[in-house]
Amino acid sequence: MSANRPGSGEDTGSVKNGSMERNSSGALLDIRDLHLGFRGYTGYTKVLHGISLSINRGQRVALVGESGSGKSVTARIVLGLLQETRTARITGDVEFQGNDMSSLNASQRRALRGTRMSMIFQDPTSALNPVFTIGYQFTEVLRRVDEKLSKEAAYLRAAELLHTVSIPDPARVLDAYSFQLSGGMNQRIIIAMALANSPSLLIADEPGTALDVTVQAQTLQLMHDMVATHNTAVLFISHNLGVVREFADRVYVIYRGRIVEEGATQSVFESPGHAYTRALMAAVPRVTGGGIPDIDDESADFHDPCFTHDSPIAGTES
């Protein structure tokens, strides 16, 4: 996705956090100076302003921010979905397994999805096709890796995967259509499909949506197991700070299309260095009472350069 940066002269924070010098040789996924904008009838709208992040094999990385901050569009660029949107303008570098994603055509990018990289989408109703049964769609996912897989073998494997996400009657579900199932059930199906082919990179976009606490915990455990068993890397997109703290090894905080803080999870939570990160953590309601905290929606400090933690506990701004 190599391209020249827009010549706007704006500070994207890439110099402050040193991300332009990051060596991608050891990273499974490496994103550098990624910009995104959309052309519309009213002009050009910038969405991402030079974000950079990397994920190593077997690493659990969280991308945290409020709604509309640019988390999900970043994931869709990695998957190669937004590259097929005519109004999108994307510049920067995205490398996966050492390969420049911009060198791949649409067919090659499509071949990666569901095999070497998978995504748990936030909205299961838009990810599942209501025209086909769950079993048919599951078979298609499994055949992305093994084209000669029989229907019987595919259904057996699908049933095993559905059982791991707490679906007690997989045979009935496989014969059903998505509109015949609840939102929570469809979400669990999407999770099972994403895990089906043991991808190298799993992108989880708010995987706990529509799930109760027990099933959400089981889902996190499944992703933990994939990391341990298959050395899978996970990009975990969320605004649930409690879940992020328990799950992730490393955290990137994004605000209005810019990375404002990055570091080891323990460092970020114990010593947040950026004003926006501190505000995000202060906005979490407390069970001890006091109501919803009064946090400013906008502050000049939120636009400060990226704060990078260099040590396990204390961070320093580089």
Protein backbone atom coordinates (compact mmCIF):
# COMPACT_ATOMS: atom_id res chain seq x y z
CA MET A 1 0.00 0.00 0.00
CA SER A 2 3.01 2.18 -0.48
CA ALA A 3 2.17 5.67 -1.54
CA ASN A 4 3.20 9.20 -0.86
CA ARG A 5 1.61 10.88 2.11
CA PRO A 6 -0.89 13.64 1.45
CA GLY A 7 1.07 16.85 1.44
CA SER A 8 -0.98 18.50 4.13
CA GLY A 9 1.97 19.17 6.42
CA GLU A 10 -0.01 18.06 9.47
CA ASP A 11 1.67 16.27 12.36
CA THR A 12 0.38 12.71 12.45
CA GLY A 13 2.45 11.74 15.48
CA SER A 14 4.61 9.34 13.47
CA VAL A 15 7.80 11.21 14.31
CA LYS A 16 7.02 11.38 18.01
CA ASN A 17 6.36 7.71 18.50
CA GLY A 18 9.12 6.53 16.19
CA SER A 19 6.74 4.23 14.33
CA MET A 20 8.15 5.11 10.90
CA GLU A 21 11.39 3.41 11.88
CA ARG A 22 9.69 0.21 13.01
CA ASN A 23 11.21 -2.89 11.46
CA SER A 24 8.51 -5.13 10.04
CA SER A 25 10.79 -8.15 9.57
CA GLY A 26 9.69 -9.77 12.83
CA ALA A 27 6.05 -8.74 12.69
CA LEU A 28 3.19 -10.79 11.32
CA LEU A 29 1.24 -7.59 10.61
CA ASP A 30 2.95 -4.22 10.25
CA ILE A 31 1.06 -1.00 9.54
CA ARG A 32 3.00 2.21 8.95
CA ASP A 33 1.70 5.74 8.42
CA LEU A 34 -1.74 4.60 7.27
CA HIS A 35 -4.06 7.31 5.97
CA LEU A 36 -7.67 6.88 4.90
CA GLY A 37 -10.18 9.28 3.43
CA PHE A 38 -13.43 9.16 1.52
CA ARG A 39 -14.49 11.28 -1.42
CA GLY A 40 -18.11 12.30 -1.40
CA TYR A 41 -20.46 14.86 -2.86
CA THR A 42 -19.48 17.38 -0.20
CA GLY A 43 -15.72 16.88 -0.58
CA TYR A 44 -12.96 14.80 0.95
CA THR A 45 -13.26 13.48 4.51
CA LYS A 46 -10.17 12.26 6.35
CA VAL A 47 -10.69 9.30 8.67
CA LEU A 48 -7.23 7.95 9.53
CA HIS A 49 -4.27 10.27 9.98
CA GLY A 50 -1.08 8.25 9.76
CA ILE A 51 -1.59 5.41 12.24
CA SER A 52 1.10 2.78 12.81
CA LEU A 53 0.98 -0.50 14.71
CA SER A 54 2.50 -3.96 14.55
CA ILE A 55 1.53 -7.42 15.76
CA ASN A 56 3.93 -10.32 16.21
CA ARG A 57 3.01 -13.99 15.89
CA GLY A 58 1.24 -15.24 18.98
CA GLN A 59 0.64 -11.71 20.28
CA ARG A 60 -2.66 -10.33 21.55
CA VAL A 61 -2.93 -6.65 20.62
CA ALA A 62 -5.88 -4.42 21.48
CA LEU A 63 -6.96 -1.34 19.53
CA VAL A 64 -8.99 0.76 21.94
CA GLY A 65 -11.06 3.89 21.37
CA GLU A 66 -14.54 5.35 21.38
CA SER A 67 -17.05 4.74 18.59
CA GLY A 68 -16.06 6.44 15.36
CA SER A 69 -12.36 6.65 16.20
CA GLY A 70 -11.25 4.51 13.24
CA LYS A 71 -10.91 1.04 14.78
CA SER A 72 -13.14 -0.94 12.42
CA VAL A 73 -12.01 0.77 9.20
CA THR A 74 -8.43 -0.09 10.13
CA ALA A 75 -9.42 -3.74 10.36
CA ARG A 76 -11.21 -3.58 7.02
CA ILE A 77 -8.11 -2.19 5.35
CA VAL A 78 -6.06 -5.09 6.73
CA LEU A 79 -8.64 -7.51 5.30
CA GLY A 80 -8.51 -5.75 1.94
CA LEU A 81 -12.20 -4.81 2.00
CA LEU A 82 -11.94 -1.02 1.77
CA GLN A 83 -9.50 -1.27 -1.13
CA GLU A 84 -12.49 -2.39 -3.19
CA THR A 85 -14.48 0.73 -2.25
CA ARG A 86 -14.22 3.24 -5.08
CA THR A 87 -14.60 6.31 -2.88
CA ALA A 88 -11.86 5.28 -0.43
CA ARG A 89 -8.39 6.80 -0.70
CA ILE A 90 -5.74 4.78 1.16
CA THR A 91 -2.05 5.58 1.55
CA GLY A 92 0.66 4.11 3.75
CA ASP A 93 2.14 0.65 4.19
CA VAL A 94 0.42 -2.55 5.27
CA GLU A 95 2.52 -5.72 5.36
CA PHE A 96 1.20 -9.16 6.26
CA GLN A 97 3.62 -12.07 6.71
CA GLY A 98 6.30 -9.91 5.09
CA ASN A 99 4.24 -9.23 1.96
CA ASP A 100 3.17 -5.77 0.83
CA MET A 101 -0.63 -5.89 0.65
CA SER A 102 -0.68 -3.23 -2.05
CA SER A 103 1.04 -5.67 -4.42
CA LEU A 104 -1.91 -8.06 -4.22
CA ASN A 105 -4.87 -7.90 -6.57
CA ALA A 106 -8.47 -8.28 -5.41
CA SER A 107 -8.47 -12.03 -6.02
CA GLN A 108 -5.29 -12.55 -4.00
CA ARG A 109 -6.61 -10.45 -1.11
CA ARG A 110 -9.84 -12.44 -1.18
CA ALA A 111 -7.85 -15.68 -0.96
CA LEU A 112 -6.32 -14.53 2.35
CA ARG A 113 -9.68 -13.91 4.00
CA GLY A 114 -11.02 -16.89 5.87
CA THR A 115 -7.73 -18.75 5.52
CA ARG A 116 -4.63 -16.94 6.78
CA MET A 117 -6.63 -14.08 8.28
CA SER A 118 -10.16 -14.05 9.66
CA MET A 119 -12.43 -11.50 11.27
CA ILE A 120 -15.16 -11.68 13.86
CA PHE A 121 -17.50 -8.94 12.70
CA GLN A 122 -19.36 -6.79 15.18
CA ASP A 123 -22.71 -7.17 13.40
CA PRO A 124 -23.48 -10.83 12.70
CA THR A 125 -26.63 -10.03 10.71
CA SER A 126 -24.57 -8.33 8.00
CA ALA A 127 -21.90 -11.06 7.99
CA LEU A 128 -24.28 -14.00 7.46
CA ASN A 129 -26.24 -14.44 4.25
CA PRO A 130 -29.95 -14.96 5.03
CA VAL A 131 -30.49 -16.81 1.73
CA PHE A 132 -28.29 -19.79 2.61
CA THR A 133 -28.38 -22.14 5.59
CA ILE A 134 -25.71 -21.88 8.28
CA GLY A 135 -24.45 -25.33 7.26
CA TYR A 136 -23.96 -24.26 3.64
CA GLN A 137 -22.06 -21.14 4.67
CA PHE A 138 -19.93 -23.07 7.15
CA THR A 139 -19.06 -25.61 4.45
CA GLU A 140 -17.95 -22.81 2.13
CA VAL A 141 -15.66 -21.43 4.86
CA LEU A 142 -14.04 -24.82 5.49
CA ARG A 143 -13.59 -25.46 1.78
CA ARG A 144 -11.50 -22.30 1.51
CA VAL A 145 -8.66 -24.48 2.82
CA ASP A 146 -9.74 -27.93 1.59
CA GLU A 147 -11.71 -27.70 -1.64
CA LYS A 148 -12.38 -31.47 -1.71
CA LEU A 149 -13.87 -31.58 1.78
CA SER A 150 -17.12 -33.55 1.69
CA LYS A 151 -20.37 -32.12 2.98
CA GLU A 152 -20.53 -34.78 5.70
CA ALA A 153 -16.99 -34.01 6.93
CA ALA A 154 -17.68 -30.28 6.80
CA TYR A 155 -20.87 -30.64 8.86
CA LEU A 156 -19.06 -32.79 11.41
CA ARG A 157 -16.27 -30.22 11.78
CA ALA A 158 -18.80 -27.37 11.92
CA ALA A 159 -20.75 -29.15 14.65
CA GLU A 160 -17.56 -29.49 16.71
CA LEU A 161 -16.79 -25.80 16.33
CA LEU A 162 -20.34 -24.75 17.19
CA HIS A 163 -20.16 -26.86 20.34
CA THR A 164 -17.04 -24.97 21.44
CA VAL A 165 -18.99 -21.69 21.39
CA SER A 166 -21.79 -23.12 23.58
CA ILE A 167 -24.32 -24.02 20.90
CA PRO A 168 -25.94 -27.16 22.34
CA ASP A 169 -27.86 -28.30 19.26
CA PRO A 170 -25.49 -27.77 16.30
CA ALA A 171 -27.43 -30.04 13.92
CA ARG A 172 -30.52 -27.84 14.20
CA VAL A 173 -28.47 -24.67 13.79
CA LEU A 174 -26.66 -25.95 10.70
CA ASP A 175 -30.03 -26.55 9.00
CA ALA A 176 -31.35 -23.12 9.99
CA TYR A 177 -31.12 -19.70 8.35
CA SER A 178 -29.62 -16.70 10.16
CA PHE A 179 -32.98 -14.91 10.42
CA GLN A 180 -34.37 -17.90 12.32
CA LEU A 181 -31.75 -17.49 15.07
CA SER A 182 -31.15 -14.91 17.76
CA GLY A 183 -28.50 -12.21 17.51
CA GLY A 184 -26.41 -13.90 20.18
CA MET A 185 -26.61 -17.23 18.39
CA ASN A 186 -25.54 -15.65 15.10
CA GLN A 187 -22.64 -13.95 16.86
CA ARG A 188 -21.41 -17.29 18.19
CA ILE A 189 -21.68 -18.77 14.69
CA ILE A 190 -19.53 -15.96 13.30
CA ILE A 191 -16.94 -16.61 16.00
CA ALA A 192 -16.88 -20.33 15.19
CA MET A 193 -16.48 -19.60 11.47
CA ALA A 194 -13.61 -17.20 12.13
CA LEU A 195 -11.77 -19.83 14.15
CA ALA A 196 -12.52 -22.69 11.72
CA ASN A 197 -9.36 -22.61 9.61
CA SER A 198 -6.89 -21.68 12.39
CA PRO A 199 -5.82 -18.36 10.83
CA SER A 200 -2.44 -16.75 11.44
CA LEU A 201 -4.21 -13.47 12.22
CA LEU A 202 -7.59 -13.18 13.90
CA ILE A 203 -9.26 -9.76 13.94
CA ALA A 204 -11.94 -9.58 16.61
CA ASP A 205 -14.17 -6.52 16.24
CA GLU A 206 -16.13 -6.27 19.50
CA PRO A 207 -16.60 -10.06 19.67
CA GLY A 208 -18.67 -9.80 22.84
CA THR A 209 -21.52 -7.98 21.12
CA ALA A 210 -24.91 -9.63 21.84
CA LEU A 211 -23.28 -12.23 24.11
CA ASP A 212 -23.90 -12.77 27.79
CA VAL A 213 -20.96 -12.58 30.18
CA THR A 214 -20.47 -16.35 30.39
CA VAL A 215 -20.28 -16.92 26.63
CA GLN A 216 -18.09 -13.83 26.24
CA ALA A 217 -15.62 -15.34 28.70
CA GLN A 218 -15.67 -18.62 26.75
CA THR A 219 -14.95 -16.71 23.53
CA LEU A 220 -11.96 -14.98 25.08
CA GLN A 221 -10.71 -18.33 26.31
CA LEU A 222 -11.03 -19.78 22.80
CA MET A 223 -8.90 -16.96 21.43
CA HIS A 224 -6.39 -17.51 24.24
CA ASP A 225 -6.22 -21.20 23.27
CA MET A 226 -5.67 -20.35 19.59
CA VAL A 227 -2.73 -18.15 20.54
CA ALA A 228 -1.24 -20.93 22.67
CA THR A 229 -1.93 -23.81 20.26
CA HIS A 230 -1.48 -22.28 16.82
CA ASN A 231 0.61 -19.17 17.63
CA THR A 232 -2.24 -17.10 16.23
CA ALA A 233 -1.95 -13.32 16.46
CA VAL A 234 -5.06 -11.44 17.59
CA LEU A 235 -6.05 -7.85 16.85
CA PHE A 236 -8.72 -7.21 19.46
CA ILE A 237 -10.90 -4.16 18.75
CA SER A 238 -12.89 -2.92 21.69
CA HIS A 239 -13.95 -0.07 23.94
CA ASN A 240 -14.42 -2.43 26.90
CA LEU A 241 -11.35 -1.59 28.96
CA GLY A 242 -11.98 -4.33 31.51
CA VAL A 243 -11.88 -7.05 28.86
CA VAL A 244 -8.87 -5.47 27.16
CA ARG A 245 -6.91 -5.42 30.41
CA GLU A 246 -7.52 -9.13 30.96
CA PHE A 247 -6.93 -10.24 27.37
CA ALA A 248 -4.31 -8.13 25.60
CA ASP A 249 -0.51 -8.17 25.77
CA ARG A 250 -0.20 -4.74 24.18
CA VAL A 251 -2.57 -1.81 23.76
CA TYR A 252 -2.89 0.93 21.14
CA VAL A 253 -5.25 3.79 22.00
CA ILE A 254 -6.81 5.56 19.01
CA TYR A 255 -8.52 8.96 19.01
CA ARG A 256 -10.07 10.47 15.89
CA GLY A 257 -7.92 8.45 13.53
CA ARG A 258 -4.61 8.90 15.39
CA ILE A 259 -2.75 6.57 17.73
CA VAL A 260 -2.31 8.59 20.93
CA GLU A 261 -0.75 5.96 23.21
CA GLU A 262 0.85 2.55 22.86
CA GLY A 263 2.58 0.14 25.17
CA ALA A 264 2.39 -3.05 27.19
CA THR A 265 -1.07 -3.48 28.72
CA GLN A 266 0.16 -3.24 32.29
CA SER A 267 2.07 -0.03 31.54
CA VAL A 268 -0.86 1.68 29.83
CA PHE A 269 -3.35 0.83 32.57
CA GLU A 270 -1.08 1.52 35.54
CA SER A 271 0.54 4.65 34.15
CA PRO A 272 -1.50 6.19 31.29
CA GLY A 273 0.58 8.93 29.73
CA HIS A 274 -1.82 10.62 27.32
CA ALA A 275 -4.69 12.88 28.35
CA TYR A 276 -7.19 11.02 26.18
CA THR A 277 -6.24 7.63 27.65
CA ARG A 278 -6.72 9.02 31.14
CA ALA A 279 -10.11 10.45 30.15
CA LEU A 280 -11.13 7.13 28.56
CA MET A 281 -10.31 5.27 31.76
CA ALA A 282 -12.00 7.87 33.94
CA ALA A 283 -15.19 7.49 31.87
CA VAL A 284 -15.70 3.90 33.03
CA PRO A 285 -18.70 3.84 35.45
CA ARG A 286 -17.82 2.64 38.95
CA VAL A 287 -19.87 -0.01 40.73
CA THR A 288 -19.35 1.92 43.96
CA GLY A 289 -21.75 4.60 42.79
CA GLY A 290 -21.39 8.24 41.89
CA GLY A 291 -23.17 8.00 38.56
CA ILE A 292 -21.60 8.54 35.16
CA PRO A 293 -18.36 10.55 35.36
CA ASP A 294 -18.35 14.06 33.93
CA ILE A 295 -15.71 13.89 31.19
CA ASP A 296 -15.01 16.53 28.55
CA ASP A 297 -15.91 15.42 25.03
CA GLU A 298 -13.12 17.55 23.60
CA SER A 299 -9.85 18.88 24.95
CA ALA A 300 -6.76 20.40 23.37
CA ASP A 301 -4.70 17.87 25.33
CA PHE A 302 -6.36 15.03 23.40
CA HIS A 303 -4.37 16.14 20.34
CA ASP A 304 -0.98 15.84 22.04
CA PRO A 305 1.62 13.61 20.31
CA CYS A 306 1.58 9.87 20.84
CA PHE A 307 2.85 8.62 24.20
CA THR A 308 4.91 5.45 23.91
CA HIS A 309 5.73 3.21 26.87
CA ASP A 310 9.26 1.84 26.68
CA SER A 311 9.31 -0.15 29.93
CA PRO A 312 6.89 -2.71 31.43
CA ILE A 313 5.55 -0.24 34.00
CA ALA A 314 6.51 3.36 33.43
CA GLY A 315 6.20 5.05 30.08
CA THR A 316 8.25 7.81 28.58
CA GLU A 317 7.39 10.03 25.70
CA SER A 318 9.87 9.51 22.91
